[in-house]
PDB file of N, CA and C in Angstrom:
ATOM      1  N   MET A   1     113.114  84.701  69.455  1.00  0.00           N
ATOM      2  CA  MET A   1     112.664  85.798  70.664  1.00  0.00           C
ATOM      3  C   MET A   1     113.735  86.031  71.352  1.00  0.00           C
ATOM      4  N   LYS A   2     113.933  86.994  71.852  1.00  0.00           N
ATOM      5  CA  LYS A   2     114.744  87.521  72.810  1.00  0.00           C
ATOM      6  C   LYS A   2     114.040  87.896  74.127  1.00  0.00           C
ATOM      7  N   LEU A   3     114.044  86.888  75.539  1.00  0.00           N
ATOM      8  CA  LEU A   3     113.361  87.078  76.482  1.00  0.00           C
ATOM      9  C   LEU A   3     114.158  87.539  77.572  1.00  0.00           C
ATOM     10  N   CYS A   4     113.608  88.473  78.218  1.00  0.00           N
ATOM     11  CA  CYS A   4     114.296  89.196  79.262  1.00  0.00           C
ATOM     12  C   CYS A   4     113.806  88.713  80.772  1.00  0.00           C
ATOM     13  N   ILE A   5     114.326  87.961  81.466  1.00  0.00           N
ATOM     14  CA  ILE A   5     113.908  87.573  82.897  1.00  0.00           C
ATOM     15  C   ILE A   5     114.710  88.327  84.077  1.00  0.00           C
ATOM     16  N   PRO A   6     113.838  89.202  84.918  1.00  0.00           N
ATOM     17  CA  PRO A   6     114.487  89.765  86.030  1.00  0.00           C
ATOM     18  C   PRO A   6     115.089  88.486  86.860  1.00  0.00           C
ATOM     19  N   THR A   7     116.430  88.782  87.289  1.00  0.00           N
ATOM     20  CA  THR A   7     117.060  87.700  87.840  1.00  0.00           C
ATOM     21  C   THR A   7     117.919  88.246  89.258  1.00  0.00           C
ATOM     22  N   MET A   8     118.279  87.153  90.191  1.00  0.00           N
ATOM     23  CA  MET A   8     119.048  87.403  91.197  1.00  0.00           C
ATOM     24  C   MET A   8     120.526  87.687  91.147  1.00  0.00           C
ATOM     25  N   GLY A   9     121.151  87.205  89.933  1.00  0.00           N
ATOM     26  CA  GLY A   9     122.310  87.515  89.731  1.00  0.00           C
ATOM     27  C   GLY A   9     122.906  86.623  88.326  1.00  0.00           C
ATOM     28  N   ASP A  10     124.048  86.153  88.571  1.00  0.00           N
ATOM     29  CA  ASP A  10     124.416  86.156  87.137  1.00  0.00           C
ATOM     30  C   ASP A  10     124.990  84.757  86.607  1.00  0.00           C
ATOM     31  N   ARG A  11     124.104  83.646  86.954  1.00  0.00           N
ATOM     32  CA  ARG A  11     124.341  82.322  86.978  1.00  0.00           C
ATOM     33  C   ARG A  11     123.370  81.454  85.621  1.00  0.00           C
ATOM     34  N   GLY A  12     123.062  82.777  84.880  1.00  0.00           N
ATOM     35  CA  GLY A  12     122.516  82.494  83.476  1.00  0.00           C
ATOM     36  C   GLY A  12     121.379  81.706  83.702  1.00  0.00           C
ATOM     37  N   TRP A  13     121.421  80.131  83.045  1.00  0.00           N
ATOM     38  CA  TRP A  13     120.058  79.345  82.971  1.00  0.00           C
ATOM     39  C   TRP A  13     119.828  78.663  84.641  1.00  0.00           C
ATOM     40  N   ASP A  14     121.047  78.947  85.351  1.00  0.00           N
ATOM     41  CA  ASP A  14     120.323  78.461  86.760  1.00  0.00           C
ATOM     42  C   ASP A  14     120.198  79.483  87.909  1.00  0.00           C
ATOM     43  N   GLU A  15     120.045  80.599  87.245  1.00  0.00           N
ATOM     44  CA  GLU A  15     119.796  81.959  88.230  1.00  0.00           C
ATOM     45  C   GLU A  15     118.287  81.941  88.591  1.00  0.00           C
ATOM     46  N   SER A  16     118.241  82.052  89.654  1.00  0.00           N
ATOM     47  CA  SER A  16     116.479  82.308  90.437  1.00  0.00           C
ATOM     48  C   SER A  16     116.163  83.452  89.679  1.00  0.00           C
ATOM     49  N   VAL A  17     114.576  83.671  89.481  1.00  0.00           N
ATOM     50  CA  VAL A  17     114.043  84.588  88.791  1.00  0.00           C
ATOM     51  C   VAL A  17     113.785  85.704  89.973  1.00  0.00           C
ATOM     52  N   GLY A  18     113.829  86.882  89.925  1.00  0.00           N
ATOM     53  CA  GLY A  18     113.745  87.830  90.890  1.00  0.00           C
ATOM     54  C   GLY A  18     112.152  88.294  90.983  1.00  0.00           C
ATOM     55  N   GLU A  19     111.422  88.247  92.469  1.00  0.00           N
ATOM     56  CA  GLU A  19     110.061  88.382  92.558  1.00  0.00           C
ATOM     57  C   GLU A  19     110.176  90.113  92.079  1.00  0.00           C
ATOM     58  N   HIS A  20     111.057  91.108  92.319  1.00  0.00           N
ATOM     59  CA  HIS A  20     110.467  92.253  92.322  1.00  0.00           C
ATOM     60  C   HIS A  20     111.191  92.888  90.949  1.00  0.00           C
ATOM     61  N   PHE A  21     110.608  92.833  89.954  1.00  0.00           N
ATOM     62  CA  PHE A  21     111.282  93.281  88.956  1.00  0.00           C
ATOM     63  C   PHE A  21     111.912  94.210  88.623  1.00  0.00           C
ATOM     64  N   GLY A  22     111.719  95.437  89.054  1.00  0.00           N
ATOM     65  CA  GLY A  22     112.601  97.127  89.319  1.00  0.00           C
ATOM     66  C   GLY A  22     113.433  96.801  89.975  1.00  0.00           C
ATOM     67  N   ARG A  23     113.797  95.885  91.004  1.00  0.00           N
ATOM     68  CA  ARG A  23     114.871  95.955  91.910  1.00  0.00           C
ATOM     69  C   ARG A  23     115.685  94.676  92.119  1.00  0.00           C
ATOM     70  N   VAL A  24     115.417  93.756  91.003  1.00  0.00           N
ATOM     71  CA  VAL A  24     116.638  92.984  91.018  1.00  0.00           C
ATOM     72  C   VAL A  24     117.892  93.220  90.737  1.00  0.00           C
ATOM     73  N   PRO A  25     119.110  92.809  90.690  1.00  0.00           N
ATOM     74  CA  PRO A  25     120.367  93.364  90.406  1.00  0.00           C
ATOM     75  C   PRO A  25     120.591  92.787  89.056  1.00  0.00           C
ATOM     76  N   THR A  26     120.074  92.154  88.360  1.00  0.00           N
ATOM     77  CA  THR A  26     120.255  91.775  87.128  1.00  0.00           C
ATOM     78  C   THR A  26     119.149  91.215  86.097  1.00  0.00           C
ATOM     79  N   TYR A  27     119.234  91.269  84.847  1.00  0.00           N
ATOM     80  CA  TYR A  27     118.231  91.100  83.917  1.00  0.00           C
ATOM     81  C   TYR A  27     118.921  90.069  82.858  1.00  0.00           C
ATOM     82  N   THR A  28     118.473  88.950  82.771  1.00  0.00           N
ATOM     83  CA  THR A  28     119.043  87.850  82.024  1.00  0.00           C
ATOM     84  C   THR A  28     118.333  87.634  80.649  1.00  0.00           C
ATOM     85  N   ILE A  29     119.232  87.780  79.584  1.00  0.00           N
ATOM     86  CA  ILE A  29     118.544  87.770  78.319  1.00  0.00           C
ATOM     87  C   ILE A  29     118.574  86.485  77.473  1.00  0.00           C
ATOM     88  N   VAL A  30     117.643  85.904  77.244  1.00  0.00           N
ATOM     89  CA  VAL A  30     117.907  84.591  76.692  1.00  0.00           C
ATOM     90  C   VAL A  30     117.248  84.341  75.126  1.00  0.00           C
ATOM     91  N   ASP A  31     117.899  84.282  74.119  1.00  0.00           N
ATOM     92  CA  ASP A  31     117.567  84.009  72.920  1.00  0.00           C
ATOM     93  C   ASP A  31     117.173  82.788  72.626  1.00  0.00           C
ATOM     94  N   THR A  32     115.854  82.462  72.710  1.00  0.00           N
ATOM     95  CA  THR A  32     115.116  81.097  72.404  1.00  0.00           C
ATOM     96  C   THR A  32     115.475  80.638  70.903  1.00  0.00           C
ATOM     97  N   GLU A  33     115.886  81.062  70.011  1.00  0.00           N
ATOM     98  CA  GLU A  33     116.392  80.601  68.622  1.00  0.00           C
ATOM     99  C   GLU A  33     117.686  79.696  69.021  1.00  0.00           C
ATOM    100  N   THR A  34     118.934  80.671  69.321  1.00  0.00           N
ATOM    101  CA  THR A  34     119.892  79.993  69.466  1.00  0.00           C
ATOM    102  C   THR A  34     120.482  79.659  70.815  1.00  0.00           C
ATOM    103  N   GLY A  35     119.743  79.621  72.016  1.00  0.00           N
ATOM    104  CA  GLY A  35     120.045  79.508  73.542  1.00  0.00           C
ATOM    105  C   GLY A  35     121.083  80.307  74.203  1.00  0.00           C
ATOM    106  N   GLU A  36     121.368  81.280  73.415  1.00  0.00           N
ATOM    107  CA  GLU A  36     122.094  82.421  74.067  1.00  0.00           C
ATOM    108  C   GLU A  36     121.881  83.128  74.854  1.00  0.00           C
ATOM    109  N   VAL A  37     122.878  83.210  76.108  1.00  0.00           N
ATOM    110  CA  VAL A  37     122.179  83.828  77.238  1.00  0.00           C
ATOM    111  C   VAL A  37     122.945  85.009  77.415  1.00  0.00           C
ATOM    112  N   ARG A  38     122.569  86.191  77.783  1.00  0.00           N
ATOM    113  CA  ARG A  38     123.252  87.350  78.308  1.00  0.00           C
ATOM    114  C   ARG A  38     122.740  87.954  79.516  1.00  0.00           C
ATOM    115  N   VAL A  39     123.834  88.416  80.431  1.00  0.00           N
ATOM    116  CA  VAL A  39     123.362  88.955  81.489  1.00  0.00           C
ATOM    117  C   VAL A  39     123.797  90.514  81.809  1.00  0.00           C
ATOM    118  N   ILE A  40     122.620  91.488  82.225  1.00  0.00           N
ATOM    119  CA  ILE A  40     123.108  92.659  82.001  1.00  0.00           C
ATOM    120  C   ILE A  40     122.782  93.329  83.465  1.00  0.00           C
ATOM    121  N   ALA A  41     123.283  94.305  83.823  1.00  0.00           N
ATOM    122  CA  ALA A  41     123.066  94.552  85.446  1.00  0.00           C
ATOM    123  C   ALA A  41     121.929  95.812  85.133  1.00  0.00           C
ATOM    124  N   ASN A  42     121.067  95.648  86.275  1.00  0.00           N
ATOM    125  CA  ASN A  42     119.943  96.654  86.328  1.00  0.00           C
ATOM    126  C   ASN A  42     120.670  98.117  86.951  1.00  0.00           C
ATOM    127  N   THR A  43     120.713  98.640  86.112  1.00  0.00           N
ATOM    128  CA  THR A  43     121.398 100.276  86.263  1.00  0.00           C
ATOM    129  C   THR A  43     120.375 101.194  86.415  1.00  0.00           C
ATOM    130  N   SER A  44     119.238 100.883  86.661  1.00  0.00           N
ATOM    131  CA  SER A  44     118.052 101.897  86.647  1.00  0.00           C
ATOM    132  C   SER A  44     118.076 102.947  87.764  1.00  0.00           C
ATOM    133  N   GLU A  45     117.151 103.686  88.014  1.00  0.00           N
ATOM    134  CA  GLU A  45     117.118 104.811  89.270  1.00  0.00           C
ATOM    135  C   GLU A  45     116.915 103.771  89.972  1.00  0.00           C
ATOM    136  N   HIS A  46     116.005 102.868  90.331  1.00  0.00           N
ATOM    137  CA  HIS A  46     115.604 102.121  91.676  1.00  0.00           C
ATOM    138  C   HIS A  46     116.871 101.436  92.196  1.00  0.00           C
ATOM    139  N   MET A  47     118.109 101.435  91.301  1.00  0.00           N
ATOM    140  CA  MET A  47     119.374 100.862  91.800  1.00  0.00           C
ATOM    141  C   MET A  47     120.276 101.860  91.910  1.00  0.00           C
ATOM    142  N   GLY A  48     119.849 103.065  91.978  1.00  0.00           N
ATOM    143  CA  GLY A  48     120.913 104.044  92.191  1.00  0.00           C
ATOM    144  C   GLY A  48     121.542 104.831  90.907  1.00  0.00           C
ATOM    145  N   GLY A  49     121.151 104.437  89.721  1.00  0.00           N
ATOM    146  CA  GLY A  49     121.453 104.783  88.525  1.00  0.00           C
ATOM    147  C   GLY A  49     120.681 105.738  87.566  1.00  0.00           C
ATOM    148  N   GLN A  50     120.317 105.213  86.501  1.00  0.00           N
ATOM    149  CA  GLN A  50     119.256 106.381  85.764  1.00  0.00           C
ATOM    150  C   GLN A  50     118.349 105.743  84.987  1.00  0.00           C
ATOM    151  N   GLY A  51     117.318 106.051  84.550  1.00  0.00           N
ATOM    152  CA  GLY A  51     115.946 105.583  83.842  1.00  0.00           C
ATOM    153  C   GLY A  51     115.375 104.252  84.773  1.00  0.00           C
ATOM    154  N   TYR A  52     114.549 103.926  83.656  1.00  0.00           N
ATOM    155  CA  TYR A  52     113.624 102.831  84.343  1.00  0.00           C
ATOM    156  C   TYR A  52     113.798 101.706  83.618  1.00  0.00           C
ATOM    157  N   PRO A  53     113.739 100.542  84.178  1.00  0.00           N
ATOM    158  CA  PRO A  53     113.976  99.232  83.753  1.00  0.00           C
ATOM    159  C   PRO A  53     113.409  98.960  82.255  1.00  0.00           C
ATOM    160  N   PRO A  54     112.008  99.447  82.050  1.00  0.00           N
ATOM    161  CA  PRO A  54     111.579  99.039  80.635  1.00  0.00           C
ATOM    162  C   PRO A  54     112.590  99.323  79.649  1.00  0.00           C
ATOM    163  N   HIS A  55     113.380 100.689  79.741  1.00  0.00           N
ATOM    164  CA  HIS A  55     113.948 101.465  78.705  1.00  0.00           C
ATOM    165  C   HIS A  55     115.473 100.468  78.612  1.00  0.00           C
ATOM    166  N   ILE A  56     115.852 100.137  79.837  1.00  0.00           N
ATOM    167  CA  ILE A  56     117.187  99.322  80.057  1.00  0.00           C
ATOM    168  C   ILE A  56     116.935  98.055  79.045  1.00  0.00           C
ATOM    169  N   ILE A  57     115.862  97.364  79.417  1.00  0.00           N
ATOM    170  CA  ILE A  57     115.828  96.235  78.414  1.00  0.00           C
ATOM    171  C   ILE A  57     115.112  96.083  77.161  1.00  0.00           C
ATOM    172  N   ALA A  58     114.618  97.311  76.675  1.00  0.00           N
ATOM    173  CA  ALA A  58     114.280  97.569  75.490  1.00  0.00           C
ATOM    174  C   ALA A  58     115.814  97.586  74.738  1.00  0.00           C
ATOM    175  N   GLU A  59     116.612  98.322  75.448  1.00  0.00           N
ATOM    176  CA  GLU A  59     118.082  98.994  74.790  1.00  0.00           C
ATOM    177  C   GLU A  59     118.736  97.682  74.945  1.00  0.00           C
ATOM    178  N   ALA A  60     118.658  96.963  75.512  1.00  0.00           N
ATOM    179  CA  ALA A  60     119.441  95.692  75.602  1.00  0.00           C
ATOM    180  C   ALA A  60     118.765  94.520  74.431  1.00  0.00           C
ATOM    181  N   GLY A  61     117.776  94.905  73.873  1.00  0.00           N
ATOM    182  CA  GLY A  61     117.409  94.062  72.676  1.00  0.00           C
ATOM    183  C   GLY A  61     116.262  93.154  72.870  1.00  0.00           C
ATOM    184  N   ALA A  62     115.874  93.054  73.961  1.00  0.00           N
ATOM    185  CA  ALA A  62     114.767  92.142  74.341  1.00  0.00           C
ATOM    186  C   ALA A  62     113.648  92.268  73.387  1.00  0.00           C
ATOM    187  N   ASP A  63     112.589  91.340  73.130  1.00  0.00           N
ATOM    188  CA  ASP A  63     111.394  91.342  72.406  1.00  0.00           C
ATOM    189  C   ASP A  63     110.212  91.139  73.692  1.00  0.00           C
ATOM    190  N   ALA A  64     110.550  90.749  74.758  1.00  0.00           N
ATOM    191  CA  ALA A  64     109.588  90.371  75.538  1.00  0.00           C
ATOM    192  C   ALA A  64     110.453  89.883  77.187  1.00  0.00           C
ATOM    193  N   LEU A  65     109.312  90.626  78.038  1.00  0.00           N
ATOM    194  CA  LEU A  65     109.392  90.524  79.485  1.00  0.00           C
ATOM    195  C   LEU A  65     109.138  89.242  80.111  1.00  0.00           C
ATOM    196  N   VAL A  66     109.444  88.193  80.697  1.00  0.00           N
ATOM    197  CA  VAL A  66     109.028  87.165  81.397  1.00  0.00           C
ATOM    198  C   VAL A  66     109.339  87.404  82.729  1.00  0.00           C
ATOM    199  N   CYS A  67     108.294  87.509  83.772  1.00  0.00           N
ATOM    200  CA  CYS A  67     108.575  87.662  85.107  1.00  0.00           C
ATOM    201  C   CYS A  67     107.471  87.165  85.897  1.00  0.00           C
ATOM    202  N   SER A  68     107.684  87.413  87.344  1.00  0.00           N
ATOM    203  CA  SER A  68     106.408  86.800  88.319  1.00  0.00           C
ATOM    204  C   SER A  68     105.509  87.734  88.056  1.00  0.00           C
ATOM    205  N   ASN A  69     105.481  89.108  88.271  1.00  0.00           N
ATOM    206  CA  ASN A  69     104.268  89.934  88.354  1.00  0.00           C
ATOM    207  C   ASN A  69     104.957  91.219  88.087  1.00  0.00           C
ATOM    208  N   LEU A  70     104.219  92.141  87.868  1.00  0.00           N
ATOM    209  CA  LEU A  70     104.774  93.664  87.942  1.00  0.00           C
ATOM    210  C   LEU A  70     103.170  94.711  87.796  1.00  0.00           C
ATOM    211  N   GLY A  71     103.407  95.683  88.155  1.00  0.00           N
ATOM    212  CA  GLY A  71     102.591  96.856  88.388  1.00  0.00           C
ATOM    213  C   GLY A  71     101.753  97.542  86.990  1.00  0.00           C
ATOM    214  N   ARG A  72     100.928  97.898  86.821  1.00  0.00           N
ATOM    215  CA  ARG A  72      99.948  98.571  85.455  1.00  0.00           C
ATOM    216  C   ARG A  72     100.843  99.562  85.062  1.00  0.00           C
ATOM    217  N   ARG A  73     101.629 100.400  85.844  1.00  0.00           N
ATOM    218  CA  ARG A  73     102.546 101.406  85.089  1.00  0.00           C
ATOM    219  C   ARG A  73     103.699 100.843  84.300  1.00  0.00           C
ATOM    220  N   ALA A  74     104.167  99.851  84.854  1.00  0.00           N
ATOM    221  CA  ALA A  74     105.285  99.017  84.187  1.00  0.00           C
ATOM    222  C   ALA A  74     104.908  98.488  82.681  1.00  0.00           C
ATOM    223  N   ILE A  75     103.616  97.610  83.001  1.00  0.00           N
ATOM    224  CA  ILE A  75     102.827  97.076  81.561  1.00  0.00           C
ATOM    225  C   ILE A  75     102.873  98.257  80.732  1.00  0.00           C
ATOM    226  N   ALA A  76     102.162  99.209  81.258  1.00  0.00           N
ATOM    227  CA  ALA A  76     102.029 100.414  80.161  1.00  0.00           C
ATOM    228  C   ALA A  76     103.246 100.566  79.445  1.00  0.00           C
ATOM    229  N   MET A  77     104.689 101.022  80.318  1.00  0.00           N
ATOM    230  CA  MET A  77     105.587 101.201  79.704  1.00  0.00           C
ATOM    231  C   MET A  77     106.298 100.374  78.794  1.00  0.00           C
ATOM    232  N   PHE A  78     106.080  99.195  78.946  1.00  0.00           N
ATOM    233  CA  PHE A  78     106.588  98.213  78.139  1.00  0.00           C
ATOM    234  C   PHE A  78     105.775  98.225  76.843  1.00  0.00           C
ATOM    235  N   SER A  79     104.708  98.168  77.062  1.00  0.00           N
ATOM    236  CA  SER A  79     103.492  98.320  75.879  1.00  0.00           C
ATOM    237  C   SER A  79     104.045  99.494  74.992  1.00  0.00           C
ATOM    238  N   GLU A  80     104.327 100.796  75.420  1.00  0.00           N
ATOM    239  CA  GLU A  80     104.711 101.847  74.742  1.00  0.00           C
ATOM    240  C   GLU A  80     105.878 101.462  74.075  1.00  0.00           C
ATOM    241  N   LEU A  81     106.771 100.718  74.389  1.00  0.00           N
ATOM    242  CA  LEU A  81     107.970 100.382  74.094  1.00  0.00           C
ATOM    243  C   LEU A  81     108.049  99.242  72.717  1.00  0.00           C
ATOM    244  N   GLY A  82     106.846  98.754  72.841  1.00  0.00           N
ATOM    245  CA  GLY A  82     106.686  97.551  72.151  1.00  0.00           C
ATOM    246  C   GLY A  82     107.141  96.126  72.483  1.00  0.00           C
ATOM    247  N   LEU A  83     107.112  96.278  73.606  1.00  0.00           N
ATOM    248  CA  LEU A  83     107.488  94.704  74.306  1.00  0.00           C
ATOM    249  C   LEU A  83     106.366  94.038  74.819  1.00  0.00           C
ATOM    250  N   GLU A  84     106.201  92.850  74.486  1.00  0.00           N
ATOM    251  CA  GLU A  84     105.164  91.830  75.357  1.00  0.00           C
ATOM    252  C   GLU A  84     105.889  91.852  76.802  1.00  0.00           C
ATOM    253  N   VAL A  85     104.454  91.341  77.480  1.00  0.00           N
ATOM    254  CA  VAL A  85     105.014  91.395  78.951  1.00  0.00           C
ATOM    255  C   VAL A  85     104.138  89.558  79.127  1.00  0.00           C
ATOM    256  N   TYR A  86     104.958  88.676  79.814  1.00  0.00           N
ATOM    257  CA  TYR A  86     104.070  87.459  80.352  1.00  0.00           C
ATOM    258  C   TYR A  86     104.453  87.522  81.737  1.00  0.00           C
ATOM    259  N   VAL A  87     103.644  87.132  82.747  1.00  0.00           N
ATOM    260  CA  VAL A  87     103.591  86.978  83.993  1.00  0.00           C
ATOM    261  C   VAL A  87     103.386  85.289  84.354  1.00  0.00           C
ATOM    262  N   GLY A  88     104.042  85.129  85.810  1.00  0.00           N
ATOM    263  CA  GLY A  88     103.738  83.912  86.266  1.00  0.00           C
ATOM    264  C   GLY A  88     105.013  82.925  86.405  1.00  0.00           C
ATOM    265  N   ALA A  89     105.971  83.642  86.069  1.00  0.00           N
ATOM    266  CA  ALA A  89     107.620  82.884  85.976  1.00  0.00           C
ATOM    267  C   ALA A  89     107.849  82.982  87.627  1.00  0.00           C
ATOM    268  N   THR A  90     108.366  81.542  87.618  1.00  0.00           N
ATOM    269  CA  THR A  90     108.755  81.139  89.094  1.00  0.00           C
ATOM    270  C   THR A  90     110.135  80.285  88.671  1.00  0.00           C
ATOM    271  N   GLY A  91     110.964  80.164  89.635  1.00  0.00           N
ATOM    272  CA  GLY A  91     112.102  79.259  89.834  1.00  0.00           C
ATOM    273  C   GLY A  91     113.327  79.861  89.174  1.00  0.00           C
ATOM    274  N   THR A  92     114.082  78.955  88.041  1.00  0.00           N
ATOM    275  CA  THR A  92     115.095  79.504  87.512  1.00  0.00           C
ATOM    276  C   THR A  92     115.008  80.090  86.297  1.00  0.00           C
ATOM    277  N   VAL A  93     115.991  80.986  85.217  1.00  0.00           N
ATOM    278  CA  VAL A  93     115.507  81.375  83.911  1.00  0.00           C
ATOM    279  C   VAL A  93     115.264  79.945  83.381  1.00  0.00           C
ATOM    280  N   ARG A  94     115.712  78.807  83.249  1.00  0.00           N
ATOM    281  CA  ARG A  94     115.443  77.823  82.525  1.00  0.00           C
ATOM    282  C   ARG A  94     114.055  77.501  82.754  1.00  0.00           C
ATOM    283  N   ASP A  95     113.553  77.379  84.153  1.00  0.00           N
ATOM    284  CA  ASP A  95     111.955  77.046  84.274  1.00  0.00           C
ATOM    285  C   ASP A  95     111.137  78.190  83.867  1.00  0.00           C
ATOM    286  N   ALA A  96     111.752  79.458  83.942  1.00  0.00           N
ATOM    287  CA  ALA A  96     110.727  80.630  83.235  1.00  0.00           C
ATOM    288  C   ALA A  96     110.734  80.504  81.876  1.00  0.00           C
ATOM    289  N   VAL A  97     111.570  80.187  81.187  1.00  0.00           N
ATOM    290  CA  VAL A  97     111.683  79.867  79.648  1.00  0.00           C
ATOM    291  C   VAL A  97     110.869  78.966  78.993  1.00  0.00           C
ATOM    292  N   ASP A  98     110.979  77.621  80.036  1.00  0.00           N
ATOM    293  CA  ASP A  98     110.118  76.426  79.676  1.00  0.00           C
ATOM    294  C   ASP A  98     108.766  76.864  79.743  1.00  0.00           C
ATOM    295  N   ARG A  99     108.136  77.660  80.928  1.00  0.00           N
ATOM    296  CA  ARG A  99     106.841  77.962  81.021  1.00  0.00           C
ATOM    297  C   ARG A  99     106.755  78.836  79.626  1.00  0.00           C
ATOM    298  N   TYR A 100     107.190  79.773  79.307  1.00  0.00           N
ATOM    299  CA  TYR A 100     106.966  80.412  78.253  1.00  0.00           C
ATOM    300  C   TYR A 100     106.725  79.436  76.703  1.00  0.00           C
ATOM    301  N   THR A 101     107.979  78.913  76.472  1.00  0.00           N
ATOM    302  CA  THR A 101     107.792  78.234  75.212  1.00  0.00           C
ATOM    303  C   THR A 101     106.515  77.270  75.419  1.00  0.00           C
ATOM    304  N   SER A 102     106.118  77.016  76.269  1.00  0.00           N
ATOM    305  CA  SER A 102     105.016  75.805  76.619  1.00  0.00           C
ATOM    306  C   SER A 102     103.442  76.377  76.543  1.00  0.00           C
ATOM    307  N   GLY A 103     103.622  77.746  76.715  1.00  0.00           N
ATOM    308  CA  GLY A 103     102.426  78.539  76.739  1.00  0.00           C
ATOM    309  C   GLY A 103     101.944  78.668  77.672  1.00  0.00           C
ATOM    310  N   ARG A 104     102.559  78.446  79.433  1.00  0.00           N
ATOM    311  CA  ARG A 104     102.041  78.398  80.547  1.00  0.00           C
ATOM    312  C   ARG A 104     102.168  79.497  81.150  1.00  0.00           C
ATOM    313  N   LEU A 105     102.715  80.645  80.607  1.00  0.00           N
ATOM    314  CA  LEU A 105     102.516  82.175  81.457  1.00  0.00           C
ATOM    315  C   LEU A 105     101.486  82.961  80.557  1.00  0.00           C
ATOM    316  N   GLN A 106     100.913  83.859  81.517  1.00  0.00           N
ATOM    317  CA  GLN A 106      99.861  84.734  81.605  1.00  0.00           C
ATOM    318  C   GLN A 106     100.291  85.898  80.546  1.00  0.00           C
ATOM    319  N   HIS A 107      99.507  86.363  79.432  1.00  0.00           N
ATOM    320  CA  HIS A 107      99.966  87.561  78.683  1.00  0.00           C
ATOM    321  C   HIS A 107      99.615  88.782  79.818  1.00  0.00           C
ATOM    322  N   ALA A 108     100.448  89.638  79.993  1.00  0.00           N
ATOM    323  CA  ALA A 108     100.159  90.676  81.060  1.00  0.00           C
ATOM    324  C   ALA A 108      99.231  91.665  80.579  1.00  0.00           C
ATOM    325  N   THR A 109      98.175  92.234  81.481  1.00  0.00           N
ATOM    326  CA  THR A 109      97.525  93.330  81.212  1.00  0.00           C
ATOM    327  C   THR A 109      96.728  93.960  82.302  1.00  0.00           C
ATOM    328  N   GLU A 110      96.156  94.992  82.217  1.00  0.00           N
ATOM    329  CA  GLU A 110      96.065  95.497  83.446  1.00  0.00           C
ATOM    330  C   GLU A 110      95.002  94.784  84.631  1.00  0.00           C
ATOM    331  N   ASN A 111      94.030  93.582  84.078  1.00  0.00           N
ATOM    332  CA  ASN A 111      93.767  92.487  84.848  1.00  0.00           C
ATOM    333  C   ASN A 111      94.731  91.674  85.766  1.00  0.00           C
ATOM    334  N   THR A 112      95.960  91.434  84.910  1.00  0.00           N
ATOM    335  CA  THR A 112      96.753  90.378  85.474  1.00  0.00           C
ATOM    336  C   THR A 112      97.881  91.389  86.383  1.00  0.00           C
ATOM    337  N   ALA A 113      97.766  92.775  86.545  1.00  0.00           N
ATOM    338  CA  ALA A 113      98.916  93.398  87.108  1.00  0.00           C
ATOM    339  C   ALA A 113      98.836  93.153  88.551  1.00  0.00           C
ATOM    340  N   CYS A 114     100.026  93.199  88.954  1.00  0.00           N
ATOM    341  CA  CYS A 114      99.981  93.075  90.402  1.00  0.00           C
ATOM    342  C   CYS A 114      99.310  93.876  91.368  1.00  0.00           C
ATOM    343  N   ALA A 115      98.222  93.501  91.991  1.00  0.00           N
ATOM    344  CA  ALA A 115      96.982  94.282  92.765  1.00  0.00           C
ATOM    345  C   ALA A 115      97.601  95.476  93.542  1.00  0.00           C
ATOM    346  N   GLN A 116      98.413  94.766  94.246  1.00  0.00           N
ATOM    347  CA  GLN A 116      99.013  95.934  95.335  1.00  0.00           C
ATOM    348  C   GLN A 116      99.545  97.222  94.728  1.00  0.00           C
ATOM    349  N   HIS A 117      99.950  97.178  93.519  1.00  0.00           N
ATOM    350  CA  HIS A 117     100.430  98.085  92.713  1.00  0.00           C
ATOM    351  C   HIS A 117      99.785  98.824  91.920  1.00  0.00           C
ATOM    352  N   ALA A 118      98.337  98.825  91.958  1.00  0.00           N
ATOM    353  CA  ALA A 118      97.573  99.621  91.166  1.00  0.00           C
ATOM    354  C   ALA A 118      97.822 101.113  91.450  1.00  0.00           C
ATOM    355  N   PHE A 119      97.261 101.706  90.393  1.00  0.00           N
ATOM    356  CA  PHE A 119      96.917 103.190  90.800  1.00  0.00           C
ATOM    357  C   PHE A 119      96.361 103.742  91.892  1.00  0.00           C
ATOM    358  N   GLY A 120      97.368 104.467  92.699  1.00  0.00           N
ATOM    359  CA  GLY A 120      96.797 104.800  94.049  1.00  0.00           C
ATOM    360  C   GLY A 120      96.752 103.866  94.956  1.00  0.00           C
ATOM    361  N   LYS A 121      97.297 102.711  94.744  1.00  0.00           N
ATOM    362  CA  LYS A 121      97.419 101.673  95.765  1.00  0.00           C
ATOM    363  C   LYS A 121      98.848 101.298  96.253  1.00  0.00           C
ATOM    364  N   GLY A 122      99.916 101.963  95.831  1.00  0.00           N
ATOM    365  CA  GLY A 122     101.484 101.514  95.466  1.00  0.00           C
ATOM    366  C   GLY A 122     101.719 101.268  97.216  1.00  0.00           C
ATOM    367  N   HIS A 123     101.106 101.547  98.307  1.00  0.00           N
ATOM    368  CA  HIS A 123     101.764 101.095  99.567  1.00  0.00           C
ATOM    369  C   HIS A 123     102.848 101.520  99.671  1.00  0.00           C
ATOM    370  N   GLY A 124     103.544 102.962  99.310  1.00  0.00           N
ATOM    371  CA  GLY A 124     104.245 103.705  99.597  1.00  0.00           C
ATOM    372  C   GLY A 124     105.539 103.113  98.776  1.00  0.00           C
ATOM    373  N   HIS A 125     105.853 102.166  98.104  1.00  0.00           N
ATOM    374  CA  HIS A 125     106.679 101.602  97.250  1.00  0.00           C
ATOM    375  C   HIS A 125     106.445 101.346  95.876  1.00  0.00           C
ATOM    376  N   ASN A 126     107.602 101.315  95.026  1.00  0.00           N
ATOM    377  CA  ASN A 126     107.093 101.213  93.644  1.00  0.00           C
ATOM    378  C   ASN A 126     107.845 100.489  93.285  1.00  0.00           C
ATOM    379  N   HIS A 127     108.556  98.774  93.380  1.00  0.00           N
ATOM    380  CA  HIS A 127     109.381  98.179  93.087  1.00  0.00           C
ATOM    381  C   HIS A 127     108.978  97.429  91.897  1.00  0.00           C
ATOM    382  N   HIS A 128     107.876  97.455  91.300  1.00  0.00           N
ATOM    383  CA  HIS A 128     107.540  97.331  89.957  1.00  0.00           C
ATOM    384  C   HIS A 128     107.479  97.922  88.719  1.00  0.00           C
ATOM    385  N   GLN A 129     107.870  99.344  88.969  1.00  0.00           N
ATOM    386  CA  GLN A 129     107.968 100.220  87.888  1.00  0.00           C
ATOM    387  C   GLN A 129     109.267 100.163  87.345  1.00  0.00           C
TER     388      GLN A 129
END
């Protein structure tokens, strides 16, 4: 399983999980079978590039996203791309992967979506999309 974790830099296993999934500078992809770690830049339109984070993450070969939280629109986009989403990750990449492998993360649904980013309640920012 290749997990993608939104991160604040390129320190691999020791990097901090970013709280704002769409606006993090990097995404760290961890292969849970081999332990291989790869860091990719967030080149989405949120960071001045093109496209949306779910597409970048899917193109990088991830099977699932592990993050702190995200909005309903992002959950729907990942679902359309066939990627699972798990919420509740905190700490470092290592902590997030440990929480995933031990079953301590919650599968993302409309009910677990970031409430402040529900449709019509975006408060003028779209950092989770």
